[in-house]
C-alpha cells in the first residue's frame, strides 16, 4: 500500500547543539537525508488532495511531508540563542536547501494563535525576548515555502489553568464552547490576520491528543463550516488512502526518531 510519512519539528526545541537536543540541527541533517534518498518533499495540500482521491498515486510516490508546531520566531527568523548560539530558522533552512539542491520544499507551520497566550508562553516557557510573534506569518504564507495553519488558540497550556486540570492535554476540550474557543476563535484570527483570500484547512491537536467529542462529533460535524478538511495527531504512522481525516498521523522529531539512521528506517517504509 502506498504510504507517506509526515515529519514534525519544534523550532523551540533548542537544548544543545546536537541532533538529539536541537531540532534545527536535526532538520538540516534530515533535509540532506531526504535528498540523498531521492525522495520528494510535497506540501500538505498535495498529500490531502491525494488522500481525497483528487490526485494520482504518482503525485505522492517516494514523498515526505514536513510540518512544525507552535510557531515561535525561531521558525522564521535566524536568532541568537543566549546559550546555544545562532540558530538558522526552519524557513531559511528550507530556502537554502531549495537553492542548493534544486529540490522543491514546503513546510506547514501549525501556530499557537492567541497573542496573549504567545506572550505568556514566551515569558514563562521560552526565553522571554518577545520571540513568539505573528509579524512574519503573512510573509511566510506568501513565500510558497511555508504554510500557516491552526494549532489552537492557546494550546490549553498548563500555565493558563484553563480547566483546573493537573495535566497539559486536549482531552479536556470536550464540549462545543471549549472547542469554539480553541479552534473557531483561532480560525477567525488567522483569517483576519492573513487576509488576501487566505483560508486555513488544517488543525493539529496540541499534545497530539483529543476528546472523543472533539474528534468524533465537533470536527466531523462542524469542521467544514470553518473550512477545515483534516486534523493531525502525533500517532507515529504513515498516511495512506484510508487514514482518518480527523486523526491523521505524524512522526515527531526526537520522539519517534533521534538520528538520521532511525529516520532512514521510517522513510524506507514509505518507499518499500
C-alpha atoms as a PDB file:
ATOM      1  CA  UNK A   1       0.000   0.000   0.000  1.00  0.00           C
ATOM      2  CA  UNK A   2       1.317   3.427  -0.952  1.00  0.00           C
ATOM      3  CA  UNK A   3       2.006   5.483   2.174  1.00  0.00           C
ATOM      4  CA  UNK A   4       3.544   8.830   3.070  1.00  0.00           C
ATOM      5  CA  UNK A   5       5.168   9.946   6.350  1.00  0.00           C
ATOM      6  CA  UNK A   6       4.535  13.373   7.852  1.00  0.00           C
ATOM      7  CA  UNK A   7       7.529  14.608   9.855  1.00  0.00           C
ATOM      8  CA  UNK A   8       7.063  17.156  12.646  1.00  0.00           C
ATOM      9  CA  UNK A   9       9.627  19.511  14.213  1.00  0.00           C
ATOM     10  CA  UNK A  10       9.634  22.084  17.022  1.00  0.00           C
ATOM     11  CA  UNK A  11      11.902  25.089  16.464  1.00  0.00           C
ATOM     12  CA  UNK A  12      11.772  25.937  20.171  1.00  0.00           C
ATOM     13  CA  UNK A  13      13.462  22.600  20.941  1.00  0.00           C
ATOM     14  CA  UNK A  14      16.907  24.139  21.498  1.00  0.00           C
ATOM     15  CA  UNK A  15      18.584  22.425  24.429  1.00  0.00           C
ATOM     16  CA  UNK A  16      22.036  21.965  22.939  1.00  0.00           C
ATOM     17  CA  UNK A  17      23.875  21.869  19.630  1.00  0.00           C
ATOM     18  CA  UNK A  18      23.373  18.215  18.648  1.00  0.00           C
ATOM     19  CA  UNK A  19      20.780  16.280  16.707  1.00  0.00           C
ATOM     20  CA  UNK A  20      19.023  14.886  19.779  1.00  0.00           C
ATOM     21  CA  UNK A  21      18.626  18.212  21.573  1.00  0.00           C
ATOM     22  CA  UNK A  22      18.190  20.739  18.775  1.00  0.00           C
ATOM     23  CA  UNK A  23      15.555  20.412  16.049  1.00  0.00           C
ATOM     24  CA  UNK A  24      17.354  22.981  13.872  1.00  0.00           C
ATOM     25  CA  UNK A  25      20.366  20.668  13.716  1.00  0.00           C
ATOM     26  CA  UNK A  26      18.064  17.708  13.103  1.00  0.00           C
ATOM     27  CA  UNK A  27      16.140  19.383  10.281  1.00  0.00           C
ATOM     28  CA  UNK A  28      19.353  20.326   8.454  1.00  0.00           C
ATOM     29  CA  UNK A  29      20.572  16.726   8.564  1.00  0.00           C
ATOM     30  CA  UNK A  30      17.157  15.331   7.656  1.00  0.00           C
ATOM     31  CA  UNK A  31      16.787  17.556   4.605  1.00  0.00           C
ATOM     32  CA  UNK A  32      20.070  16.185   3.286  1.00  0.00           C
ATOM     33  CA  UNK A  33      18.984  12.604   4.001  1.00  0.00           C
ATOM     34  CA  UNK A  34      15.711  13.103   2.133  1.00  0.00           C
ATOM     35  CA  UNK A  35      17.637  14.492  -0.824  1.00  0.00           C
ATOM     36  CA  UNK A  36      20.173  11.657  -0.758  1.00  0.00           C
ATOM     37  CA  UNK A  37      17.369   9.092  -0.765  1.00  0.00           C
ATOM     38  CA  UNK A  38      15.886  10.701  -3.857  1.00  0.00           C
ATOM     39  CA  UNK A  39      12.594  11.450  -2.143  1.00  0.00           C
ATOM     40  CA  UNK A  40      10.355  14.399  -2.940  1.00  0.00           C
ATOM     41  CA  UNK A  41       9.052  16.877  -0.373  1.00  0.00           C
ATOM     42  CA  UNK A  42       5.398  17.608  -1.043  1.00  0.00           C
ATOM     43  CA  UNK A  43       3.004  20.017   0.620  1.00  0.00           C
ATOM     44  CA  UNK A  44       0.214  19.060   2.980  1.00  0.00           C
ATOM     45  CA  UNK A  45      -2.207  20.259   0.303  1.00  0.00           C
ATOM     46  CA  UNK A  46      -0.775  17.751  -2.157  1.00  0.00           C
ATOM     47  CA  UNK A  47      -1.000  14.938   0.377  1.00  0.00           C
ATOM     48  CA  UNK A  48      -4.605  15.692   1.331  1.00  0.00           C
ATOM     49  CA  UNK A  49      -5.625  16.010  -2.315  1.00  0.00           C
ATOM     50  CA  UNK A  50      -4.253  12.503  -2.824  1.00  0.00           C
ATOM     51  CA  UNK A  51      -5.990  11.202   0.298  1.00  0.00           C
ATOM     52  CA  UNK A  52      -9.277  12.659  -1.012  1.00  0.00           C
ATOM     53  CA  UNK A  53      -8.809  10.990  -4.386  1.00  0.00           C
ATOM     54  CA  UNK A  54      -8.117  14.260  -6.202  1.00  0.00           C
ATOM     55  CA  UNK A  55      -4.559  13.345  -7.210  1.00  0.00           C
ATOM     56  CA  UNK A  56      -2.988  10.189  -8.658  1.00  0.00           C
ATOM     57  CA  UNK A  57      -0.589   7.922  -6.787  1.00  0.00           C
ATOM     58  CA  UNK A  58       2.278   9.299  -8.851  1.00  0.00           C
ATOM     59  CA  UNK A  59       1.862  12.638  -7.045  1.00  0.00           C
ATOM     60  CA  UNK A  60       2.956  11.151  -3.722  1.00  0.00           C
ATOM     61  CA  UNK A  61       5.356   8.374  -4.711  1.00  0.00           C
ATOM     62  CA  UNK A  62       8.612   8.468  -2.704  1.00  0.00           C
ATOM     63  CA  UNK A  63       7.248  11.527  -0.890  1.00  0.00           C
ATOM     64  CA  UNK A  64       7.518  13.038   2.567  1.00  0.00           C
ATOM     65  CA  UNK A  65       5.627  15.944   4.168  1.00  0.00           C
ATOM     66  CA  UNK A  66       7.217  18.418   6.600  1.00  0.00           C
ATOM     67  CA  UNK A  67       5.368  20.195   9.411  1.00  0.00           C
ATOM     68  CA  UNK A  68       6.335  22.144  12.518  1.00  0.00           C
ATOM     69  CA  UNK A  69       4.387  23.118  15.619  1.00  0.00           C
ATOM     70  CA  UNK A  70       3.883  26.120  17.915  1.00  0.00           C
ATOM     71  CA  UNK A  71       5.026  28.965  15.643  1.00  0.00           C
ATOM     72  CA  UNK A  72       7.838  30.653  17.576  1.00  0.00           C
ATOM     73  CA  UNK A  73      10.039  33.221  15.843  1.00  0.00           C
ATOM     74  CA  UNK A  74      12.714  30.522  15.574  1.00  0.00           C
ATOM     75  CA  UNK A  75      10.587  29.080  12.766  1.00  0.00           C
ATOM     76  CA  UNK A  76      11.126  32.113  10.537  1.00  0.00           C
ATOM     77  CA  UNK A  77      13.970  34.299  11.812  1.00  0.00           C
ATOM     78  CA  UNK A  78      17.618  33.434  12.405  1.00  0.00           C
ATOM     79  CA  UNK A  79      18.119  34.207  16.110  1.00  0.00           C
ATOM     80  CA  UNK A  80      20.990  34.155  18.563  1.00  0.00           C
ATOM     81  CA  UNK A  81      20.054  31.801  21.376  1.00  0.00           C
ATOM     82  CA  UNK A  82      21.640  33.117  24.588  1.00  0.00           C
ATOM     83  CA  UNK A  83      23.120  29.712  25.434  1.00  0.00           C
ATOM     84  CA  UNK A  84      23.474  27.783  22.180  1.00  0.00           C
ATOM     85  CA  UNK A  85      24.368  30.459  19.630  1.00  0.00           C
ATOM     86  CA  UNK A  86      22.948  31.384  16.254  1.00  0.00           C
ATOM     87  CA  UNK A  87      20.022  29.226  15.165  1.00  0.00           C
ATOM     88  CA  UNK A  88      19.228  29.126  11.449  1.00  0.00           C
ATOM     89  CA  UNK A  89      15.452  29.230  11.184  1.00  0.00           C
ATOM     90  CA  UNK A  90      13.422  26.462   9.640  1.00  0.00           C
ATOM     91  CA  UNK A  91      12.319  28.894   6.932  1.00  0.00           C
ATOM     92  CA  UNK A  92      15.867  29.860   5.964  1.00  0.00           C
ATOM     93  CA  UNK A  93      16.969  26.240   6.030  1.00  0.00           C
ATOM     94  CA  UNK A  94      14.207  25.400   3.573  1.00  0.00           C
ATOM     95  CA  UNK A  95      15.151  28.308   1.330  1.00  0.00           C
ATOM     96  CA  UNK A  96      18.854  27.397   1.336  1.00  0.00           C
ATOM     97  CA  UNK A  97      18.127  23.713   0.705  1.00  0.00           C
ATOM     98  CA  UNK A  98      15.907  24.512  -2.247  1.00  0.00           C
ATOM     99  CA  UNK A  99      18.522  26.827  -3.750  1.00  0.00           C
ATOM    100  CA  UNK A 100      21.410  24.387  -3.240  1.00  0.00           C
ATOM    101  CA  UNK A 101      19.698  21.200  -4.362  1.00  0.00           C
ATOM    102  CA  UNK A 102      17.091  22.467  -6.823  1.00  0.00           C
ATOM    103  CA  UNK A 103      14.556  20.491  -4.798  1.00  0.00           C
ATOM    104  CA  UNK A 104      11.087  21.859  -4.132  1.00  0.00           C
ATOM    105  CA  UNK A 105      10.471  22.163  -0.401  1.00  0.00           C
ATOM    106  CA  UNK A 106       7.478  23.034   1.747  1.00  0.00           C
ATOM    107  CA  UNK A 107       6.555  23.027   5.431  1.00  0.00           C
ATOM    108  CA  UNK A 108       3.196  23.541   7.145  1.00  0.00           C
ATOM    109  CA  UNK A 109       3.562  25.539  10.349  1.00  0.00           C
ATOM    110  CA  UNK A 110       0.889  24.902  12.983  1.00  0.00           C
ATOM    111  CA  UNK A 111       0.942  28.062  15.093  1.00  0.00           C
ATOM    112  CA  UNK A 112      -0.471  28.860  18.533  1.00  0.00           C
ATOM    113  CA  UNK A 113      -2.777  31.726  17.633  1.00  0.00           C
ATOM    114  CA  UNK A 114      -3.636  33.866  20.684  1.00  0.00           C
ATOM    115  CA  UNK A 115      -1.303  36.899  21.009  1.00  0.00           C
ATOM    116  CA  UNK A 116      -1.830  36.990  24.767  1.00  0.00           C
ATOM    117  CA  UNK A 117      -1.072  33.288  25.098  1.00  0.00           C
ATOM    118  CA  UNK A 118       2.056  33.556  22.982  1.00  0.00           C
ATOM    119  CA  UNK A 119       3.329  36.453  25.077  1.00  0.00           C
ATOM    120  CA  UNK A 120       2.781  34.490  28.276  1.00  0.00           C
ATOM    121  CA  UNK A 121       4.355  31.361  26.820  1.00  0.00           C
ATOM    122  CA  UNK A 122       7.342  33.390  25.623  1.00  0.00           C
ATOM    123  CA  UNK A 123       7.898  34.764  29.121  1.00  0.00           C
ATOM    124  CA  UNK A 124       7.374  31.534  31.029  1.00  0.00           C
ATOM    125  CA  UNK A 125       8.319  28.727  28.624  1.00  0.00           C
ATOM    126  CA  UNK A 126      10.740  30.224  26.103  1.00  0.00           C
ATOM    127  CA  UNK A 127      13.406  32.895  26.655  1.00  0.00           C
ATOM    128  CA  UNK A 128      11.356  35.984  27.435  1.00  0.00           C
ATOM    129  CA  UNK A 129      12.632  38.034  24.490  1.00  0.00           C
ATOM    130  CA  UNK A 130       9.354  38.510  22.624  1.00  0.00           C
ATOM    131  CA  UNK A 131      10.208  35.715  20.181  1.00  0.00           C
ATOM    132  CA  UNK A 132       6.679  34.369  19.719  1.00  0.00           C
ATOM    133  CA  UNK A 133       5.179  36.972  17.394  1.00  0.00           C
ATOM    134  CA  UNK A 134       2.964  36.871  14.304  1.00  0.00           C
ATOM    135  CA  UNK A 135       4.550  39.673  12.260  1.00  0.00           C
ATOM    136  CA  UNK A 136       6.114  37.090   9.921  1.00  0.00           C
ATOM    137  CA  UNK A 137       3.061  34.925   9.283  1.00  0.00           C
ATOM    138  CA  UNK A 138       1.943  36.704   6.140  1.00  0.00           C
ATOM    139  CA  UNK A 139       5.421  36.720   4.578  1.00  0.00           C
ATOM    140  CA  UNK A 140       5.820  33.030   5.358  1.00  0.00           C
ATOM    141  CA  UNK A 141       2.406  32.222   3.894  1.00  0.00           C
ATOM    142  CA  UNK A 142       3.108  34.151   0.718  1.00  0.00           C
ATOM    143  CA  UNK A 143       6.585  32.682   0.260  1.00  0.00           C
ATOM    144  CA  UNK A 144       5.440  29.359  -1.149  1.00  0.00           C
ATOM    145  CA  UNK A 145       7.811  27.624   1.278  1.00  0.00           C
ATOM    146  CA  UNK A 146       5.788  27.721   4.488  1.00  0.00           C
ATOM    147  CA  UNK A 147       2.055  27.489   5.127  1.00  0.00           C
ATOM    148  CA  UNK A 148       0.442  28.823   8.314  1.00  0.00           C
ATOM    149  CA  UNK A 149      -2.151  26.565   9.970  1.00  0.00           C
ATOM    150  CA  UNK A 150      -4.132  26.223  13.210  1.00  0.00           C
ATOM    151  CA  UNK A 151      -2.581  24.762  16.390  1.00  0.00           C
ATOM    152  CA  UNK A 152      -5.384  26.083  18.644  1.00  0.00           C
ATOM    153  CA  UNK A 153      -5.989  29.355  20.447  1.00  0.00           C
ATOM    154  CA  UNK A 154      -3.728  28.781  23.458  1.00  0.00           C
ATOM    155  CA  UNK A 155      -2.703  25.085  23.347  1.00  0.00           C
ATOM    156  CA  UNK A 156      -4.718  24.578  26.548  1.00  0.00           C
ATOM    157  CA  UNK A 157      -1.322  25.000  28.157  1.00  0.00           C
ATOM    158  CA  UNK A 158      -0.972  24.300  31.842  1.00  0.00           C
ATOM    159  CA  UNK A 159       0.279  27.801  32.648  1.00  0.00           C
ATOM    160  CA  UNK A 160      -3.211  29.126  31.924  1.00  0.00           C
ATOM    161  CA  UNK A 161      -5.017  26.694  34.223  1.00  0.00           C
ATOM    162  CA  UNK A 162      -7.862  26.686  31.682  1.00  0.00           C
ATOM    163  CA  UNK A 163      -9.742  23.700  33.031  1.00  0.00           C
ATOM    164  CA  UNK A 164      -8.242  23.452  36.504  1.00  0.00           C
ATOM    165  CA  UNK A 165      -6.653  20.187  35.385  1.00  0.00           C
ATOM    166  CA  UNK A 166      -3.364  18.735  36.507  1.00  0.00           C
ATOM    167  CA  UNK A 167      -2.058  17.822  33.065  1.00  0.00           C
ATOM    168  CA  UNK A 168      -1.418  19.606  29.784  1.00  0.00           C
ATOM    169  CA  UNK A 169      -3.883  17.901  27.487  1.00  0.00           C
ATOM    170  CA  UNK A 170      -6.510  18.402  24.812  1.00  0.00           C
ATOM    171  CA  UNK A 171      -8.539  15.536  26.269  1.00  0.00           C
ATOM    172  CA  UNK A 172     -10.312  18.209  28.303  1.00  0.00           C
ATOM    173  CA  UNK A 173     -11.620  20.113  25.266  1.00  0.00           C
ATOM    174  CA  UNK A 174     -14.845  18.154  25.318  1.00  0.00           C
ATOM    175  CA  UNK A 175     -17.800  20.481  24.633  1.00  0.00           C
ATOM    176  CA  UNK A 176     -18.806  22.948  21.937  1.00  0.00           C
ATOM    177  CA  UNK A 177     -17.966  26.068  23.918  1.00  0.00           C
ATOM    178  CA  UNK A 178     -14.407  24.898  24.591  1.00  0.00           C
ATOM    179  CA  UNK A 179     -13.939  23.675  21.016  1.00  0.00           C
ATOM    180  CA  UNK A 180     -15.170  27.003  19.652  1.00  0.00           C
ATOM    181  CA  UNK A 181     -12.784  28.832  21.956  1.00  0.00           C
ATOM    182  CA  UNK A 182      -9.779  26.783  20.893  1.00  0.00           C
ATOM    183  CA  UNK A 183     -10.485  26.161  17.203  1.00  0.00           C
ATOM    184  CA  UNK A 184     -13.113  28.524  15.775  1.00  0.00           C
ATOM    185  CA  UNK A 185     -11.645  31.555  17.560  1.00  0.00           C
ATOM    186  CA  UNK A 186      -8.215  30.625  16.219  1.00  0.00           C
ATOM    187  CA  UNK A 187      -9.564  30.180  12.695  1.00  0.00           C
ATOM    188  CA  UNK A 188     -11.175  33.608  12.789  1.00  0.00           C
ATOM    189  CA  UNK A 189      -7.967  35.263  13.981  1.00  0.00           C
ATOM    190  CA  UNK A 190      -5.850  33.551  11.321  1.00  0.00           C
ATOM    191  CA  UNK A 191      -8.197  34.639   8.557  1.00  0.00           C
ATOM    192  CA  UNK A 192      -8.281  38.181   9.923  1.00  0.00           C
ATOM    193  CA  UNK A 193      -4.501  38.457  10.216  1.00  0.00           C
ATOM    194  CA  UNK A 194      -3.574  36.845   6.912  1.00  0.00           C
ATOM    195  CA  UNK A 195      -6.424  38.069   4.696  1.00  0.00           C
ATOM    196  CA  UNK A 196      -5.958  38.175   0.917  1.00  0.00           C
ATOM    197  CA  UNK A 197      -8.107  35.105   0.365  1.00  0.00           C
ATOM    198  CA  UNK A 198      -6.279  33.007   2.957  1.00  0.00           C
ATOM    199  CA  UNK A 199      -8.357  30.041   4.123  1.00  0.00           C
ATOM    200  CA  UNK A 200      -6.794  27.620   6.578  1.00  0.00           C
ATOM    201  CA  UNK A 201      -7.777  23.985   6.046  1.00  0.00           C
ATOM    202  CA  UNK A 202      -5.792  22.196   8.755  1.00  0.00           C
ATOM    203  CA  UNK A 203      -5.741  21.798  12.528  1.00  0.00           C
ATOM    204  CA  UNK A 204      -3.121  19.997  14.620  1.00  0.00           C
ATOM    205  CA  UNK A 205      -4.144  18.731  18.053  1.00  0.00           C
ATOM    206  CA  UNK A 206      -1.928  20.172  20.796  1.00  0.00           C
ATOM    207  CA  UNK A 207      -0.097  17.315  22.518  1.00  0.00           C
ATOM    208  CA  UNK A 208      -1.423  15.107  19.704  1.00  0.00           C
ATOM    209  CA  UNK A 209      -4.482  14.109  21.724  1.00  0.00           C
ATOM    210  CA  UNK A 210      -8.181  14.937  21.761  1.00  0.00           C
ATOM    211  CA  UNK A 211     -11.502  14.284  23.441  1.00  0.00           C
ATOM    212  CA  UNK A 212     -13.996  11.922  21.841  1.00  0.00           C
ATOM    213  CA  UNK A 213     -16.360  14.867  21.393  1.00  0.00           C
ATOM    214  CA  UNK A 214     -13.773  16.920  19.533  1.00  0.00           C
ATOM    215  CA  UNK A 215     -12.582  14.077  17.337  1.00  0.00           C
ATOM    216  CA  UNK A 216     -15.847  12.265  16.578  1.00  0.00           C
ATOM    217  CA  UNK A 217     -18.511  14.996  16.796  1.00  0.00           C
ATOM    218  CA  UNK A 218     -17.266  18.569  16.653  1.00  0.00           C
ATOM    219  CA  UNK A 219     -14.796  18.362  13.771  1.00  0.00           C
ATOM    220  CA  UNK A 220     -16.734  15.892  11.576  1.00  0.00           C
ATOM    221  CA  UNK A 221     -19.939  17.919  12.009  1.00  0.00           C
ATOM    222  CA  UNK A 222     -18.621  21.495  12.078  1.00  0.00           C
ATOM    223  CA  UNK A 223     -15.145  21.367  10.562  1.00  0.00           C
ATOM    224  CA  UNK A 224     -16.385  22.078   7.061  1.00  0.00           C
ATOM    225  CA  UNK A 225     -18.212  25.216   8.231  1.00  0.00           C
ATOM    226  CA  UNK A 226     -14.809  26.533   9.382  1.00  0.00           C
ATOM    227  CA  UNK A 227     -13.141  25.481   6.110  1.00  0.00           C
ATOM    228  CA  UNK A 228     -11.258  22.660   7.887  1.00  0.00           C
ATOM    229  CA  UNK A 229     -10.737  19.408   5.995  1.00  0.00           C
ATOM    230  CA  UNK A 230      -8.287  17.489   8.201  1.00  0.00           C
ATOM    231  CA  UNK A 231      -6.783  17.332  11.680  1.00  0.00           C
ATOM    232  CA  UNK A 232      -3.456  15.872  12.773  1.00  0.00           C
ATOM    233  CA  UNK A 233      -2.330  13.827  15.750  1.00  0.00           C
ATOM    234  CA  UNK A 234       1.128  12.655  16.784  1.00  0.00           C
ATOM    235  CA  UNK A 235       0.437   8.967  16.268  1.00  0.00           C
ATOM    236  CA  UNK A 236       3.623   7.623  14.649  1.00  0.00           C
ATOM    237  CA  UNK A 237       2.298   6.065  11.469  1.00  0.00           C
ATOM    238  CA  UNK A 238       2.325   6.744   7.744  1.00  0.00           C
ATOM    239  CA  UNK A 239      -0.601   8.318   5.930  1.00  0.00           C
ATOM    240  CA  UNK A 240      -2.378   6.099   3.423  1.00  0.00           C
ATOM    241  CA  UNK A 241      -5.554   6.249   1.334  1.00  0.00           C
ATOM    242  CA  UNK A 242      -7.596   5.072   4.320  1.00  0.00           C
ATOM    243  CA  UNK A 243      -6.184   7.347   7.030  1.00  0.00           C
ATOM    244  CA  UNK A 244      -8.859   9.109   9.066  1.00  0.00           C
ATOM    245  CA  UNK A 245      -9.105  12.753   8.010  1.00  0.00           C
ATOM    246  CA  UNK A 246      -9.757  13.958  11.563  1.00  0.00           C
ATOM    247  CA  UNK A 247      -6.918  11.903  13.049  1.00  0.00           C
ATOM    248  CA  UNK A 248      -4.086  11.973  10.514  1.00  0.00           C
ATOM    249  CA  UNK A 249      -0.825  10.559  11.916  1.00  0.00           C
ATOM    250  CA  UNK A 250       2.525  12.335  12.193  1.00  0.00           C
ATOM    251  CA  UNK A 251       6.032  11.404  13.381  1.00  0.00           C
ATOM    252  CA  UNK A 252       7.714  13.805  15.828  1.00  0.00           C
ATOM    253  CA  UNK A 253      11.435  14.547  15.715  1.00  0.00           C
ATOM    254  CA  UNK A 254      13.378  13.448  18.797  1.00  0.00           C
ATOM    255  CA  UNK A 255      10.389  11.482  19.955  1.00  0.00           C
ATOM    256  CA  UNK A 256       9.773   8.957  17.171  1.00  0.00           C
ATOM    257  CA  UNK A 257      13.282   9.200  15.727  1.00  0.00           C
ATOM    258  CA  UNK A 258      16.519  10.502  17.242  1.00  0.00           C
ATOM    259  CA  UNK A 259      19.025  10.177  14.400  1.00  0.00           C
ATOM    260  CA  UNK A 260      19.199  10.149  10.626  1.00  0.00           C
ATOM    261  CA  UNK A 261      19.678   6.379  10.826  1.00  0.00           C
ATOM    262  CA  UNK A 262      16.352   5.998  12.603  1.00  0.00           C
ATOM    263  CA  UNK A 263      14.667   8.435  10.217  1.00  0.00           C
ATOM    264  CA  UNK A 264      16.010   6.451   7.282  1.00  0.00           C
ATOM    265  CA  UNK A 265      14.158   3.407   8.584  1.00  0.00           C
ATOM    266  CA  UNK A 266      10.920   5.414   8.685  1.00  0.00           C
ATOM    267  CA  UNK A 267      11.448   6.819   5.218  1.00  0.00           C
ATOM    268  CA  UNK A 268      12.352   3.422   3.814  1.00  0.00           C
ATOM    269  CA  UNK A 269       8.961   2.137   4.895  1.00  0.00           C
ATOM    270  CA  UNK A 270       7.396   4.740   2.649  1.00  0.00           C
ATOM    271  CA  UNK A 271       9.353   3.583  -0.383  1.00  0.00           C
ATOM    272  CA  UNK A 272       9.184  -0.168   0.195  1.00  0.00           C
END
